[in-house]
Amino acid sequence: MTTISNSSAFLRRVLLTDAGVGAFAGIVLLFAAAPLAEILALPAPLLRYAGLALLPVAALILYVATRPQPPRFGVWAIIAVNVLWTIESFLLLFSGWVHPNVLGQIFIAVQALMVAGFAELEFIGLRRSAPRIAVA
């Protein structure tokens, strides 16, 4: 397995921030879905399930960020999930599956762009980190 022997402090900070933001958003979406649904004109179950999905992802990101030598595959998986989340967010926005008001549209676009930003920053951090091949 390839790990990161010299992971940049930048990568760790980005991963920890991603985990913290994801956990916070997950908790807010999970427990405040009803009032947010009213404000954003988005279905409460969609918001609740999004929040529920974010919590284990945030835990995984935290786990990878706190390893002494983070696995490169783990960082790549986080980047891939962030890219997928971004694509799905814009697909949701433009598909007509939901009909958010202007605040809801802004909410979807801003969170998608933030997640895309995390993916980009994690990619930059990964490139700055030296790989290490684990020998069995």
Protein backbone atom coordinates (compact mmCIF):
# COMPACT_ATOMS: atom_id res chain seq x y z
CA MET A 1 0.00 0.00 0.00
CA THR A 2 1.30 3.46 -0.81
CA THR A 3 1.25 5.91 2.04
CA ILE A 4 2.41 9.48 2.28
CA SER A 5 5.69 9.57 4.18
CA ASN A 6 6.09 13.31 4.12
CA SER A 7 2.54 14.56 4.05
CA SER A 8 2.42 18.30 3.84
CA ALA A 9 1.00 20.24 6.74
CA PHE A 10 -1.14 21.90 4.08
CA LEU A 11 -2.76 18.56 3.14
CA ARG A 12 -3.49 17.73 6.78
CA ARG A 13 -5.03 21.16 7.42
CA VAL A 14 -7.21 20.90 4.32
CA LEU A 15 -8.36 17.38 5.26
CA LEU A 16 -9.09 18.43 8.85
CA THR A 17 -11.02 21.47 7.65
CA ASP A 18 -12.97 19.34 5.17
CA ALA A 19 -13.82 16.89 7.96
CA GLY A 20 -14.91 19.69 10.31
CA VAL A 21 -17.02 21.49 7.74
CA GLY A 22 -18.56 18.19 6.62
CA ALA A 23 -19.42 17.16 10.18
CA PHE A 24 -20.89 20.59 10.97
CA ALA A 25 -22.95 20.64 7.77
CA GLY A 26 -24.08 17.06 8.38
CA ILE A 27 -25.31 17.87 11.88
CA VAL A 28 -27.08 21.05 10.74
CA LEU A 29 -28.75 19.33 7.78
CA LEU A 30 -29.74 16.33 9.88
CA PHE A 31 -31.23 18.22 12.80
CA ALA A 32 -32.48 21.40 11.09
CA ALA A 33 -33.86 19.86 7.90
CA ALA A 34 -37.42 21.07 8.46
CA PRO A 35 -36.68 24.77 8.97
CA LEU A 36 -34.04 24.73 6.22
CA ALA A 37 -36.51 23.05 3.87
CA GLU A 38 -38.92 25.90 4.42
CA ILE A 39 -36.27 28.57 3.88
CA LEU A 40 -34.67 26.92 0.83
CA ALA A 41 -37.74 25.30 -0.75
CA LEU A 42 -35.95 21.95 -0.77
CA PRO A 43 -37.45 18.67 0.45
CA ALA A 44 -36.71 18.06 4.13
CA PRO A 45 -35.97 14.34 3.54
CA LEU A 46 -33.35 15.29 0.92
CA LEU A 47 -31.64 17.63 3.38
CA ARG A 48 -31.87 15.08 6.19
CA TYR A 49 -30.40 12.27 4.06
CA ALA A 50 -27.64 14.57 2.81
CA GLY A 51 -26.77 15.37 6.41
CA LEU A 52 -26.84 11.71 7.32
CA ALA A 53 -24.53 10.90 4.40
CA LEU A 54 -22.05 13.60 5.38
CA LEU A 55 -21.37 12.26 8.88
CA PRO A 56 -19.59 9.00 7.96
CA VAL A 57 -17.75 10.79 5.14
CA ALA A 58 -16.51 13.39 7.62
CA ALA A 59 -15.43 10.60 9.97
CA LEU A 60 -13.49 8.91 7.16
CA ILE A 61 -11.80 12.19 6.23
CA LEU A 62 -10.85 12.74 9.87
CA TYR A 63 -9.47 9.21 10.07
CA VAL A 64 -7.30 9.69 6.97
CA ALA A 65 -6.15 13.15 8.13
CA THR A 66 -5.00 11.87 11.52
CA ARG A 67 -2.94 8.89 10.29
CA PRO A 68 0.81 9.29 10.84
CA GLN A 69 1.24 8.35 7.18
CA PRO A 70 -2.05 8.89 5.36
CA PRO A 71 -2.81 6.33 2.65
CA ARG A 72 -2.67 7.90 -0.81
CA PHE A 73 -5.66 5.79 -1.84
CA GLY A 74 -7.63 7.30 1.06
CA VAL A 75 -6.85 10.83 -0.06
CA TRP A 76 -7.70 9.96 -3.67
CA ALA A 77 -11.00 8.43 -2.46
CA ILE A 78 -11.82 11.64 -0.58
CA ILE A 79 -11.05 13.70 -3.67
CA ALA A 80 -13.26 11.41 -5.78
CA VAL A 81 -16.16 11.63 -3.33
CA ASN A 82 -15.85 15.42 -3.27
CA VAL A 83 -15.88 15.58 -7.07
CA LEU A 84 -18.89 13.25 -7.20
CA TRP A 85 -20.73 15.35 -4.59
CA THR A 86 -20.06 18.47 -6.67
CA ILE A 87 -21.32 16.89 -9.88
CA GLU A 88 -24.42 15.52 -8.17
CA SER A 89 -25.15 18.89 -6.58
CA PHE A 90 -25.13 20.67 -9.94
CA LEU A 91 -27.11 17.82 -11.49
CA LEU A 92 -29.70 18.27 -8.75
CA LEU A 93 -29.76 22.01 -9.37
CA PHE A 94 -30.30 21.76 -13.13
CA SER A 95 -32.25 18.49 -13.42
CA GLY A 96 -35.65 19.78 -12.35
CA TRP A 97 -35.92 17.03 -9.70
CA VAL A 98 -36.30 19.73 -7.07
CA HIS A 99 -37.55 23.29 -7.34
CA PRO A 100 -35.61 25.38 -4.83
CA ASN A 101 -36.19 29.08 -4.47
CA VAL A 102 -33.34 31.54 -5.11
CA LEU A 103 -31.88 30.93 -1.63
CA GLY A 104 -32.03 27.19 -2.24
CA GLN A 105 -30.30 27.56 -5.59
CA ILE A 106 -27.57 29.67 -3.99
CA PHE A 107 -27.23 27.14 -1.17
CA ILE A 108 -26.78 24.24 -3.59
CA ALA A 109 -24.30 26.15 -5.78
CA VAL A 110 -22.22 27.52 -2.90
CA GLN A 111 -21.88 24.21 -1.09
CA ALA A 112 -21.01 22.48 -4.39
CA LEU A 113 -18.31 25.06 -5.11
CA MET A 114 -16.94 24.71 -1.57
CA VAL A 115 -16.72 20.94 -1.95
CA ALA A 116 -15.02 21.36 -5.34
CA GLY A 117 -12.58 23.73 -3.65
CA PHE A 118 -11.77 21.10 -1.03
CA ALA A 119 -11.15 18.54 -3.78
CA GLU A 120 -8.78 20.93 -5.55
CA LEU A 121 -6.91 21.84 -2.36
CA GLU A 122 -6.60 18.16 -1.40
CA PHE A 123 -5.21 17.40 -4.86
CA ILE A 124 -2.65 20.20 -4.46
CA GLY A 125 -1.73 18.90 -1.00
CA LEU A 126 -1.35 15.38 -2.33
CA ARG A 127 0.99 16.57 -5.06
CA ARG A 128 3.10 18.38 -2.46
CA SER A 129 3.46 15.19 -0.39
CA ALA A 130 6.08 12.55 -1.02
CA PRO A 131 4.83 8.99 -1.62
CA ARG A 132 6.18 6.04 0.35
CA ILE A 133 5.77 2.43 -0.73
CA ALA A 134 5.01 0.11 2.18
CA VAL A 135 7.23 -2.98 2.17
CA ALA A 136 5.72 -6.17 3.55
